Amino acid sequence: MLISRPDGIPTAEVPILSGEKQLSEAEGMDNFLLDESGNASLRLGRVRCEIDARGAEGFHVYVPAGENFFCVEPVSHPPNAFARDPERYALAPSATRRLHMRLSVISDVEETRG
């Protein structure tokens, strides 16, 4: 995970333990998770969200303090990428880059019909 200053510029890279986390454990997070697989899985209660973002280099995760929501955005480059490695991230004139994302929401709650 890239830890960033309030202005979004990364200051350090730290390991993050895999596995399930409670939302309260991430409160205040506004960082970039390096994960070139492009896959993320989020669960709230019995609802699961699967993200497949081919072409992503990771996910920007924002968990505002004191709120009951969070944001996860697949992105094509880490924060400040152009300053860190312009050769890798700059595109030539008229060149393009694509990122395809599939978002699946799965509910484990059984429907009851009357």
N, C-alpha and C. Protein backbone atom coordinates (compact mmCIF):
# COMPACT_ATOMS: atom_id res chain seq x y z
N MET A 1 0.84 -1.16 0.00
CA MET A 1 0.00 0.00 0.00
C MET A 1 0.89 1.23 0.00
N LEU A 2 0.55 2.21 -0.82
CA LEU A 2 1.25 3.48 -0.82
C LEU A 2 0.53 4.43 0.15
N ILE A 3 1.25 4.91 1.14
CA ILE A 3 0.71 5.87 2.10
C ILE A 3 0.96 7.26 1.52
N SER A 4 -0.08 8.08 1.50
CA SER A 4 0.04 9.41 0.90
C SER A 4 -0.17 10.52 1.91
N ARG A 5 0.42 11.66 1.60
CA ARG A 5 0.18 12.88 2.37
C ARG A 5 -1.22 13.38 2.04
N PRO A 6 -1.72 14.37 2.77
CA PRO A 6 -3.04 14.93 2.45
C PRO A 6 -3.16 15.48 1.03
N ASP A 7 -2.03 15.88 0.43
CA ASP A 7 -2.10 16.39 -0.95
C ASP A 7 -2.05 15.27 -1.99
N GLY A 8 -2.03 13.99 -1.55
CA GLY A 8 -2.06 12.85 -2.46
C GLY A 8 -0.71 12.35 -2.90
N ILE A 9 0.37 12.99 -2.52
CA ILE A 9 1.71 12.54 -2.91
C ILE A 9 2.16 11.41 -1.99
N PRO A 10 2.52 10.24 -2.55
CA PRO A 10 2.94 9.11 -1.71
C PRO A 10 4.23 9.41 -0.95
N THR A 11 4.28 8.92 0.28
CA THR A 11 5.47 9.12 1.11
C THR A 11 6.13 7.81 1.49
N ALA A 12 5.39 6.71 1.44
CA ALA A 12 5.96 5.42 1.84
C ALA A 12 5.17 4.28 1.24
N GLU A 13 5.82 3.13 1.13
CA GLU A 13 5.15 1.90 0.71
C GLU A 13 5.24 0.93 1.87
N VAL A 14 4.09 0.41 2.29
CA VAL A 14 4.05 -0.50 3.44
C VAL A 14 3.28 -1.76 3.06
N PRO A 15 3.61 -2.88 3.68
CA PRO A 15 2.84 -4.11 3.40
C PRO A 15 1.46 -4.01 4.05
N ILE A 16 0.52 -4.70 3.46
CA ILE A 16 -0.81 -4.79 4.03
C ILE A 16 -1.14 -6.27 4.14
N LEU A 17 -1.64 -6.66 5.27
CA LEU A 17 -1.98 -8.06 5.48
C LEU A 17 -3.24 -8.41 4.71
N SER A 18 -3.21 -9.52 4.00
CA SER A 18 -4.39 -9.94 3.25
C SER A 18 -5.43 -10.48 4.21
N GLY A 19 -6.61 -10.68 3.69
CA GLY A 19 -7.70 -11.21 4.50
C GLY A 19 -8.76 -10.18 4.76
N GLU A 20 -9.79 -10.60 5.45
CA GLU A 20 -10.92 -9.72 5.72
C GLU A 20 -10.57 -8.64 6.73
N LYS A 21 -11.08 -7.45 6.47
CA LYS A 21 -10.90 -6.31 7.36
C LYS A 21 -12.27 -5.71 7.65
N GLN A 22 -12.44 -5.19 8.83
CA GLN A 22 -13.65 -4.46 9.16
C GLN A 22 -13.51 -3.04 8.62
N LEU A 23 -14.61 -2.43 8.22
CA LEU A 23 -14.58 -1.07 7.70
C LEU A 23 -13.97 -0.12 8.72
N SER A 24 -14.26 -0.33 9.99
CA SER A 24 -13.73 0.55 11.04
C SER A 24 -12.20 0.50 11.11
N GLU A 25 -11.60 -0.62 10.70
CA GLU A 25 -10.13 -0.74 10.71
C GLU A 25 -9.49 0.16 9.66
N ALA A 26 -10.25 0.52 8.63
CA ALA A 26 -9.70 1.32 7.54
C ALA A 26 -10.17 2.77 7.59
N GLU A 27 -10.88 3.16 8.63
CA GLU A 27 -11.43 4.51 8.70
C GLU A 27 -10.33 5.55 8.54
N GLY A 28 -10.57 6.53 7.68
CA GLY A 28 -9.59 7.58 7.41
C GLY A 28 -8.63 7.24 6.28
N MET A 29 -8.71 6.04 5.73
CA MET A 29 -7.79 5.63 4.66
C MET A 29 -8.08 6.41 3.39
N ASP A 30 -7.04 6.85 2.75
CA ASP A 30 -7.11 7.50 1.45
C ASP A 30 -5.79 7.16 0.75
N ASN A 31 -5.65 5.88 0.39
CA ASN A 31 -4.37 5.37 -0.11
C ASN A 31 -4.56 4.48 -1.32
N PHE A 32 -3.45 4.14 -1.93
CA PHE A 32 -3.42 3.31 -3.13
C PHE A 32 -2.95 1.91 -2.77
N LEU A 33 -3.72 0.91 -3.14
CA LEU A 33 -3.33 -0.48 -2.92
C LEU A 33 -2.76 -1.03 -4.22
N LEU A 34 -1.49 -1.38 -4.20
CA LEU A 34 -0.83 -1.95 -5.37
C LEU A 34 -1.33 -3.37 -5.57
N ASP A 35 -1.95 -3.64 -6.71
CA ASP A 35 -2.44 -4.98 -6.99
C ASP A 35 -2.68 -5.09 -8.48
N GLU A 36 -1.68 -5.57 -9.19
CA GLU A 36 -1.79 -5.64 -10.65
C GLU A 36 -2.70 -6.76 -11.13
N SER A 37 -3.25 -7.56 -10.22
CA SER A 37 -4.20 -8.60 -10.64
C SER A 37 -5.49 -7.96 -11.14
N GLY A 38 -5.80 -6.75 -10.65
CA GLY A 38 -7.04 -6.08 -11.04
C GLY A 38 -8.28 -6.66 -10.39
N ASN A 39 -8.10 -7.50 -9.38
CA ASN A 39 -9.25 -8.13 -8.72
C ASN A 39 -9.38 -7.65 -7.29
N ALA A 40 -10.61 -7.39 -6.89
CA ALA A 40 -10.89 -7.01 -5.51
C ALA A 40 -12.22 -7.60 -5.12
N SER A 41 -12.37 -7.95 -3.86
CA SER A 41 -13.61 -8.50 -3.34
C SER A 41 -13.96 -7.75 -2.06
N LEU A 42 -15.17 -7.23 -2.02
CA LEU A 42 -15.64 -6.47 -0.86
C LEU A 42 -16.94 -7.12 -0.38
N ARG A 43 -17.13 -7.14 0.93
CA ARG A 43 -18.35 -7.74 1.47
C ARG A 43 -18.88 -6.86 2.58
N LEU A 44 -20.19 -6.67 2.57
CA LEU A 44 -20.88 -5.96 3.64
C LEU A 44 -22.09 -6.80 4.00
N GLY A 45 -22.05 -7.40 5.18
CA GLY A 45 -23.13 -8.31 5.58
C GLY A 45 -23.19 -9.49 4.63
N ARG A 46 -24.34 -9.69 4.02
CA ARG A 46 -24.51 -10.83 3.12
C ARG A 46 -24.43 -10.43 1.65
N VAL A 47 -23.93 -9.22 1.39
CA VAL A 47 -23.78 -8.75 0.01
C VAL A 47 -22.29 -8.63 -0.30
N ARG A 48 -21.90 -9.18 -1.44
CA ARG A 48 -20.51 -9.18 -1.85
C ARG A 48 -20.39 -8.44 -3.19
N CYS A 49 -19.33 -7.69 -3.34
CA CYS A 49 -19.05 -6.96 -4.58
C CYS A 49 -17.70 -7.47 -5.10
N GLU A 50 -17.70 -7.93 -6.33
CA GLU A 50 -16.47 -8.40 -6.98
C GLU A 50 -16.10 -7.41 -8.07
N ILE A 51 -14.83 -6.98 -8.07
CA ILE A 51 -14.34 -6.06 -9.10
C ILE A 51 -13.28 -6.77 -9.91
N ASP A 52 -13.46 -6.78 -11.22
CA ASP A 52 -12.45 -7.31 -12.14
C ASP A 52 -12.08 -6.14 -13.05
N ALA A 53 -10.90 -5.60 -12.86
CA ALA A 53 -10.47 -4.40 -13.59
C ALA A 53 -9.18 -4.70 -14.34
N ARG A 54 -9.30 -5.27 -15.50
CA ARG A 54 -8.12 -5.62 -16.30
C ARG A 54 -7.46 -4.36 -16.82
N GLY A 55 -6.17 -4.28 -16.60
CA GLY A 55 -5.42 -3.10 -16.99
C GLY A 55 -5.14 -2.17 -15.82
N ALA A 56 -5.74 -2.47 -14.67
CA ALA A 56 -5.50 -1.64 -13.48
C ALA A 56 -4.19 -2.04 -12.83
N GLU A 57 -3.51 -1.06 -12.25
CA GLU A 57 -2.29 -1.35 -11.47
C GLU A 57 -2.60 -1.43 -10.00
N GLY A 58 -3.82 -1.12 -9.65
CA GLY A 58 -4.23 -1.17 -8.25
C GLY A 58 -5.54 -0.46 -8.05
N PHE A 59 -5.85 -0.22 -6.78
CA PHE A 59 -7.12 0.39 -6.41
C PHE A 59 -6.86 1.54 -5.44
N HIS A 60 -7.50 2.66 -5.71
CA HIS A 60 -7.46 3.76 -4.73
C HIS A 60 -8.63 3.52 -3.78
N VAL A 61 -8.34 3.50 -2.49
CA VAL A 61 -9.36 3.22 -1.47
C VAL A 61 -9.51 4.46 -0.59
N TYR A 62 -10.76 4.90 -0.45
CA TYR A 62 -11.07 6.07 0.38
C TYR A 62 -12.17 5.67 1.36
N VAL A 63 -11.85 5.79 2.66
CA VAL A 63 -12.81 5.48 3.73
C VAL A 63 -12.87 6.72 4.62
N PRO A 64 -13.84 7.61 4.35
CA PRO A 64 -13.88 8.85 5.14
C PRO A 64 -14.22 8.59 6.61
N ALA A 65 -13.52 9.28 7.48
CA ALA A 65 -13.75 9.12 8.92
C ALA A 65 -15.16 9.58 9.29
N GLY A 66 -15.82 8.79 10.12
CA GLY A 66 -17.14 9.16 10.62
C GLY A 66 -18.28 8.93 9.66
N GLU A 67 -18.03 8.30 8.53
CA GLU A 67 -19.08 8.04 7.54
C GLU A 67 -19.35 6.54 7.45
N ASN A 68 -20.45 6.17 6.82
CA ASN A 68 -20.77 4.75 6.69
C ASN A 68 -20.68 4.29 5.23
N PHE A 69 -19.74 4.85 4.49
CA PHE A 69 -19.52 4.42 3.11
C PHE A 69 -18.02 4.45 2.82
N PHE A 70 -17.65 3.87 1.70
CA PHE A 70 -16.26 3.90 1.25
C PHE A 70 -16.26 3.88 -0.27
N CYS A 71 -15.13 4.21 -0.86
CA CYS A 71 -14.97 4.22 -2.31
C CYS A 71 -13.77 3.37 -2.69
N VAL A 72 -13.92 2.60 -3.75
CA VAL A 72 -12.82 1.82 -4.30
C VAL A 72 -12.79 2.09 -5.80
N GLU A 73 -11.66 2.58 -6.29
CA GLU A 73 -11.54 2.95 -7.70
C GLU A 73 -10.34 2.24 -8.33
N PRO A 74 -10.58 1.40 -9.35
CA PRO A 74 -9.44 0.83 -10.07
C PRO A 74 -8.77 1.93 -10.88
N VAL A 75 -7.44 1.97 -10.84
CA VAL A 75 -6.72 3.02 -11.57
C VAL A 75 -5.55 2.44 -12.35
N SER A 76 -5.16 3.16 -13.39
CA SER A 76 -4.11 2.68 -14.30
C SER A 76 -2.71 3.02 -13.83
N HIS A 77 -2.60 3.82 -12.77
CA HIS A 77 -1.27 4.21 -12.30
C HIS A 77 -1.35 4.67 -10.85
N PRO A 78 -0.26 4.52 -10.10
CA PRO A 78 -0.24 4.99 -8.72
C PRO A 78 -0.18 6.52 -8.66
N PRO A 79 -0.47 7.10 -7.51
CA PRO A 79 -0.36 8.56 -7.37
C PRO A 79 1.05 9.05 -7.69
N ASN A 80 1.13 10.18 -8.35
CA ASN A 80 2.39 10.83 -8.70
C ASN A 80 3.23 9.99 -9.67
N ALA A 81 2.59 9.12 -10.43
CA ALA A 81 3.30 8.21 -11.32
C ALA A 81 4.13 8.93 -12.37
N PHE A 82 3.61 10.03 -12.89
CA PHE A 82 4.33 10.73 -13.96
C PHE A 82 5.63 11.36 -13.45
N ALA A 83 5.63 11.79 -12.21
CA ALA A 83 6.85 12.35 -11.62
C ALA A 83 7.84 11.25 -11.26
N ARG A 84 7.34 10.08 -10.88
CA ARG A 84 8.22 8.98 -10.45
C ARG A 84 8.81 8.22 -11.63
N ASP A 85 8.02 8.00 -12.68
CA ASP A 85 8.49 7.18 -13.80
C ASP A 85 7.77 7.62 -15.09
N PRO A 86 8.13 8.80 -15.63
CA PRO A 86 7.41 9.32 -16.79
C PRO A 86 7.51 8.42 -18.02
N GLU A 87 8.61 7.73 -18.18
CA GLU A 87 8.78 6.85 -19.35
C GLU A 87 7.72 5.75 -19.36
N ARG A 88 7.38 5.24 -18.19
CA ARG A 88 6.43 4.13 -18.09
C ARG A 88 4.99 4.58 -18.27
N TYR A 89 4.65 5.78 -17.80
CA TYR A 89 3.24 6.17 -17.75
C TYR A 89 2.81 7.19 -18.79
N ALA A 90 3.73 7.92 -19.37
CA ALA A 90 3.36 8.92 -20.38
C ALA A 90 2.93 8.22 -21.67
N LEU A 91 1.93 8.77 -22.32
CA LEU A 91 1.47 8.24 -23.60
C LEU A 91 1.95 9.15 -24.72
N ALA A 92 2.27 8.55 -25.84
CA ALA A 92 2.65 9.33 -27.02
C ALA A 92 1.42 10.06 -27.55
N PRO A 93 1.63 11.12 -28.32
CA PRO A 93 0.47 11.82 -28.90
C PRO A 93 -0.43 10.86 -29.66
N SER A 94 -1.71 10.96 -29.44
CA SER A 94 -2.80 10.16 -30.02
C SER A 94 -2.80 8.69 -29.55
N ALA A 95 -1.93 8.32 -28.64
CA ALA A 95 -1.96 6.97 -28.09
C ALA A 95 -3.09 6.87 -27.06
N THR A 96 -3.56 5.67 -26.81
CA THR A 96 -4.63 5.46 -25.84
C THR A 96 -4.26 4.36 -24.86
N ARG A 97 -4.96 4.33 -23.78
CA ARG A 97 -4.81 3.27 -22.80
C ARG A 97 -6.21 2.92 -22.31
N ARG A 98 -6.49 1.64 -22.15
CA ARG A 98 -7.82 1.21 -21.74
C ARG A 98 -7.78 0.42 -20.45
N LEU A 99 -8.86 0.52 -19.75
CA LEU A 99 -9.06 -0.27 -18.54
C LEU A 99 -10.50 -0.76 -18.59
N HIS A 100 -10.67 -2.04 -18.58
CA HIS A 100 -12.02 -2.62 -18.60
C HIS A 100 -12.37 -3.08 -17.20
N MET A 101 -13.55 -2.71 -16.75
CA MET A 101 -13.95 -3.08 -15.40
C MET A 101 -15.31 -3.79 -15.45
N ARG A 102 -15.37 -4.87 -14.68
CA ARG A 102 -16.65 -5.57 -14.48
C ARG A 102 -16.94 -5.54 -12.99
N LEU A 103 -18.12 -5.10 -12.64
CA LEU A 103 -18.55 -5.01 -11.26
C LEU A 103 -19.72 -5.95 -11.08
N SER A 104 -19.58 -6.90 -10.16
CA SER A 104 -20.64 -7.86 -9.88
C SER A 104 -21.06 -7.72 -8.43
N VAL A 105 -22.36 -7.63 -8.21
CA VAL A 105 -22.91 -7.57 -6.86
C VAL A 105 -23.70 -8.85 -6.64
N ILE A 106 -23.31 -9.58 -5.59
CA ILE A 106 -23.91 -10.88 -5.31
C ILE A 106 -24.51 -10.83 -3.92
N SER A 107 -25.76 -11.22 -3.81
CA SER A 107 -26.42 -11.24 -2.51
C SER A 107 -26.57 -12.68 -2.05
N ASP A 108 -26.15 -12.95 -0.82
CA ASP A 108 -26.31 -14.28 -0.23
C ASP A 108 -27.64 -14.41 0.49
N VAL A 109 -28.45 -13.35 0.48
CA VAL A 109 -29.72 -13.34 1.18
C VAL A 109 -30.74 -14.10 0.32
N GLU A 110 -31.41 -15.06 0.93
CA GLU A 110 -32.43 -15.82 0.22
C GLU A 110 -33.70 -14.99 0.12
N GLU A 111 -34.30 -15.01 -1.08
CA GLU A 111 -35.55 -14.30 -1.26
C GLU A 111 -36.69 -15.14 -0.71
N THR A 112 -37.64 -14.48 -0.11
CA THR A 112 -38.85 -15.17 0.32
C THR A 112 -40.00 -14.64 -0.51
N ARG A 113 -40.75 -15.55 -1.08
CA ARG A 113 -41.88 -15.15 -1.94
C ARG A 113 -43.17 -15.65 -1.31
N GLY A 114 -44.16 -14.80 -1.33
CA GLY A 114 -45.43 -15.17 -0.72
C GLY A 114 -46.54 -15.29 -1.70
